[in-house]
Amino acid sequence: HNIFEEHLGTHGFDLHEVAVLAATLENLIHAEASGRLRSTYTQLAQDTESTLTAEDAMDVVDTYLQSILLSNNISAMSSAQVHRMRRFIDVLFPYWNATKTWLRGVVQDVAPDRTTMVFSDVAQIVEVVSERYGSQSDQDCQDIQDKLVVLEEGGTGRVKLRDFYESVGSRGFWNFRENLEYLKHAGAIDDSDPSAPRVIIPN
């Protein structure tokens, strides 16, 4: 990383060097994904040398993606933490059901009607998921923003916290269930008035 920065600062990159850099970064990303996938296998007590049923393979893929969505380092998680993540994913990540439906579509594209999978098959699914997830994530973000605008308080770019939570029942905005501490951690709360914290509508 430092070598690349130093070279860029003094000489810049020619076309060949840019291609080398791109290939290097792609290899690093691939290696990181493979390592995370192996850690996921380990956490689920699966052997990377074994052939998995399609159901067990999807369990691995689901858990792999959940750890990414929640920014968890799965190799550093305890068994109890992994179990909790898997059990409460709908609460921790309210868009999980929609994401899971999208994920099943990706699997059908990559490995249609497979009844068993080896590690390389699962790795291929993970690779395609990583490539395609950006568009799915953009849809989720747009959906959240559209719903927040509906609740906006008079053109302020803010939503009253009470309106935010009440919309779950009154409007069916089921994804607005994050607790206040989570929202603060995500930088989504305007607490300039501590007595009336409000949710920030992103630009």
Protein backbone atom coordinates (compact mmCIF):
# COMPACT_ATOMS: atom_id res chain seq x y z
CA HIS A 1 0.00 0.00 0.00
CA ASN A 2 2.76 2.49 0.96
CA ILE A 3 4.81 1.55 -2.11
CA PHE A 4 1.85 2.29 -4.37
CA GLU A 5 1.23 5.63 -2.64
CA GLU A 6 4.90 6.62 -2.88
CA HIS A 7 5.03 5.71 -6.57
CA LEU A 8 1.83 7.61 -7.29
CA GLY A 9 3.13 10.69 -5.52
CA THR A 10 6.42 10.80 -7.40
CA HIS A 11 5.79 9.30 -10.83
CA GLY A 12 2.13 8.55 -11.37
CA PHE A 13 1.02 5.30 -13.03
CA ASP A 14 1.15 4.33 -16.67
CA LEU A 15 -1.52 2.11 -18.24
CA HIS A 16 0.37 -1.13 -17.61
CA GLU A 17 0.93 -0.27 -13.94
CA VAL A 18 -2.75 0.58 -13.51
CA ALA A 19 -3.62 -2.85 -14.91
CA VAL A 20 -1.16 -4.49 -12.50
CA LEU A 21 -2.64 -2.55 -9.57
CA ALA A 22 -6.18 -3.54 -10.55
CA ALA A 23 -5.16 -7.21 -10.81
CA THR A 24 -3.40 -7.02 -7.43
CA LEU A 25 -6.42 -5.48 -5.73
CA GLU A 26 -8.72 -8.07 -7.32
CA ASN A 27 -6.51 -10.87 -6.00
CA LEU A 28 -6.50 -9.33 -2.51
CA ILE A 29 -10.29 -9.01 -2.52
CA HIS A 30 -10.64 -12.60 -3.76
CA ALA A 31 -8.27 -13.85 -1.05
CA GLU A 32 -10.16 -11.94 1.64
CA ALA A 33 -13.49 -13.36 0.46
CA SER A 34 -12.06 -16.89 0.41
CA GLY A 35 -10.68 -16.46 3.93
CA ARG A 36 -14.02 -15.16 5.23
CA LEU A 37 -15.82 -18.05 3.56
CA ARG A 38 -13.47 -20.58 5.17
CA SER A 39 -14.07 -18.94 8.55
CA THR A 40 -17.81 -19.22 7.95
CA TYR A 41 -17.43 -22.94 7.23
CA THR A 42 -15.49 -23.31 10.49
CA GLN A 43 -18.08 -21.41 12.53
CA LEU A 44 -20.82 -23.70 11.20
CA ALA A 45 -18.75 -26.84 11.84
CA GLN A 46 -18.56 -27.63 8.13
CA ASP A 47 -15.51 -29.10 6.37
CA THR A 48 -14.25 -27.20 3.31
CA GLU A 49 -13.19 -30.55 1.82
CA SER A 50 -16.66 -32.06 2.13
CA THR A 51 -19.60 -32.01 -0.23
CA LEU A 52 -22.54 -30.11 1.26
CA THR A 53 -26.22 -30.48 0.58
CA ALA A 54 -27.71 -27.46 -1.16
CA GLU A 55 -29.47 -26.56 2.09
CA ASP A 56 -26.25 -26.61 4.13
CA ALA A 57 -24.45 -24.65 1.39
CA MET A 58 -27.13 -21.96 1.50
CA ASP A 59 -26.77 -21.85 5.27
CA VAL A 60 -23.09 -21.04 4.75
CA VAL A 61 -23.84 -18.37 2.13
CA ASP A 62 -26.54 -16.79 4.31
CA THR A 63 -24.21 -16.62 7.30
CA TYR A 64 -21.36 -15.29 5.16
CA LEU A 65 -23.52 -12.45 3.84
CA GLN A 66 -25.03 -11.68 7.24
CA SER A 67 -21.56 -11.15 8.70
CA ILE A 68 -20.75 -8.72 5.87
CA LEU A 69 -24.01 -6.81 6.19
CA LEU A 70 -23.41 -6.34 9.92
CA SER A 71 -19.68 -5.58 9.44
CA ASN A 72 -18.75 -8.51 11.67
CA ASN A 73 -15.38 -10.23 11.50
CA ILE A 74 -16.75 -13.75 11.56
CA SER A 75 -13.36 -15.32 12.28
CA ALA A 76 -13.24 -13.38 15.58
CA MET A 77 -16.81 -14.16 16.64
CA SER A 78 -17.70 -16.71 19.29
CA SER A 79 -20.13 -19.51 18.54
CA ALA A 80 -22.70 -17.73 20.72
CA GLN A 81 -22.28 -14.50 18.74
CA VAL A 82 -22.72 -16.31 15.43
CA HIS A 83 -25.81 -18.07 16.77
CA ARG A 84 -27.27 -14.76 17.94
CA MET A 85 -26.54 -13.10 14.59
CA ARG A 86 -28.27 -15.89 12.69
CA ARG A 87 -31.23 -16.05 15.06
CA PHE A 88 -31.92 -12.31 15.22
CA ILE A 89 -30.86 -11.23 11.73
CA ASP A 90 -34.38 -9.92 10.96
CA VAL A 91 -34.02 -7.46 13.83
CA LEU A 92 -30.35 -6.67 13.32
CA PHE A 93 -30.84 -6.14 9.59
CA PRO A 94 -34.51 -5.42 8.80
CA TYR A 95 -34.03 -5.93 5.06
CA TRP A 96 -32.89 -9.51 5.46
CA ASN A 97 -36.02 -11.15 4.02
CA ALA A 98 -35.81 -9.07 0.83
CA THR A 99 -32.06 -9.69 0.64
CA LYS A 100 -32.56 -13.42 1.12
CA THR A 101 -35.08 -13.53 -1.73
CA TRP A 102 -32.59 -11.68 -3.95
CA LEU A 103 -29.85 -14.06 -2.83
CA ARG A 104 -31.87 -17.13 -3.81
CA GLY A 105 -32.27 -15.60 -7.27
CA VAL A 106 -28.50 -15.20 -7.57
CA VAL A 107 -27.98 -18.83 -6.55
CA GLN A 108 -30.49 -19.98 -9.14
CA ASP A 109 -28.52 -18.06 -11.78
CA VAL A 110 -25.13 -19.40 -10.70
CA ALA A 111 -25.94 -22.94 -9.62
CA PRO A 112 -29.42 -23.85 -10.87
CA ASP A 113 -31.04 -26.93 -9.40
CA ARG A 114 -27.89 -28.12 -7.63
CA THR A 115 -28.54 -30.65 -4.89
CA THR A 116 -24.96 -30.76 -3.59
CA MET A 117 -22.04 -28.31 -3.62
CA VAL A 118 -18.31 -28.41 -2.96
CA PHE A 119 -16.30 -25.46 -1.63
CA SER A 120 -15.50 -24.08 -5.09
CA ASP A 121 -19.23 -24.00 -5.93
CA VAL A 122 -20.01 -22.02 -2.78
CA ALA A 123 -17.04 -19.72 -3.44
CA GLN A 124 -18.38 -18.98 -6.92
CA ILE A 125 -21.77 -18.03 -5.46
CA VAL A 126 -20.12 -15.75 -2.92
CA GLU A 127 -18.07 -14.08 -5.64
CA VAL A 128 -21.14 -13.32 -7.76
CA VAL A 129 -23.05 -12.12 -4.69
CA SER A 130 -20.23 -9.69 -3.92
CA GLU A 131 -20.28 -8.39 -7.50
CA ARG A 132 -24.04 -7.89 -7.65
CA TYR A 133 -24.94 -6.75 -4.15
CA GLY A 134 -24.28 -3.06 -4.82
CA SER A 135 -27.43 -2.70 -6.92
CA GLN A 136 -29.55 -4.47 -4.29
CA SER A 137 -28.10 -2.26 -1.56
CA ASP A 138 -28.90 0.86 -3.61
CA GLN A 139 -32.54 -0.26 -3.85
CA ASP A 140 -32.72 -0.73 -0.07
CA CYS A 141 -31.23 2.73 0.57
CA GLN A 142 -33.63 4.39 -1.87
CA ASP A 143 -36.59 2.64 -0.24
CA ILE A 144 -35.51 3.90 3.20
CA GLN A 145 -35.06 7.45 1.93
CA ASP A 146 -38.44 7.48 0.20
CA LYS A 147 -40.17 6.35 3.39
CA LEU A 148 -38.33 8.93 5.51
CA VAL A 149 -39.42 11.71 3.13
CA VAL A 150 -43.04 10.66 3.67
CA LEU A 151 -42.53 11.22 7.41
CA GLU A 152 -40.47 14.40 7.07
CA GLU A 153 -41.23 17.22 9.48
CA GLY A 154 -42.06 20.27 7.37
CA GLY A 155 -39.10 20.36 4.98
CA THR A 156 -36.51 20.11 7.76
CA GLY A 157 -34.79 17.01 6.43
CA ARG A 158 -35.62 15.40 9.77
CA VAL A 159 -38.21 12.95 11.13
CA LYS A 160 -39.52 13.03 14.67
CA LEU A 161 -38.36 9.91 16.50
CA ARG A 162 -41.93 9.23 17.63
CA ASP A 163 -43.20 9.37 14.01
CA PHE A 164 -40.33 7.13 12.93
CA TYR A 165 -41.28 4.34 15.34
CA GLU A 166 -45.06 4.79 15.04
CA SER A 167 -44.80 4.32 11.27
CA VAL A 168 -44.09 0.61 11.81
CA GLY A 169 -47.68 0.06 12.90
CA SER A 170 -49.47 2.97 11.23
CA ARG A 171 -47.88 2.73 7.78
CA GLY A 172 -46.30 -0.72 7.73
CA PHE A 173 -42.76 0.68 7.55
CA TRP A 174 -41.48 -2.52 9.17
CA ASN A 175 -37.80 -1.66 8.61
CA PHE A 176 -37.95 1.29 11.03
CA ARG A 177 -37.33 -0.80 14.13
CA GLU A 178 -33.69 0.04 14.91
CA ASN A 179 -33.16 1.10 18.52
CA LEU A 180 -31.96 4.61 19.35
CA GLU A 181 -28.42 3.55 20.23
CA TYR A 182 -28.02 1.82 16.87
CA LEU A 183 -29.27 4.93 15.06
CA LYS A 184 -26.86 7.13 17.01
CA HIS A 185 -23.97 4.80 16.22
CA ALA A 186 -24.90 5.00 12.53
CA GLY A 187 -24.86 8.81 12.68
CA ALA A 188 -28.55 8.97 11.81
CA ILE A 189 -29.73 11.02 14.80
CA ASP A 190 -29.89 14.81 15.16
CA ASP A 191 -29.79 15.38 18.91
CA SER A 192 -29.12 19.12 18.82
CA ASP A 193 -32.28 19.28 20.94
CA PRO A 194 -31.71 16.46 23.49
CA SER A 195 -35.36 16.54 24.51
CA ALA A 196 -36.53 15.81 20.95
CA PRO A 197 -34.02 13.71 18.98
CA ARG A 198 -34.88 13.33 15.29
CA VAL A 199 -33.87 10.97 12.50
CA ILE A 200 -31.78 12.55 9.73
CA ILE A 201 -32.95 12.01 6.14
CA PRO A 202 -29.82 11.29 4.04
CA ASN A 203 -29.22 13.32 0.89
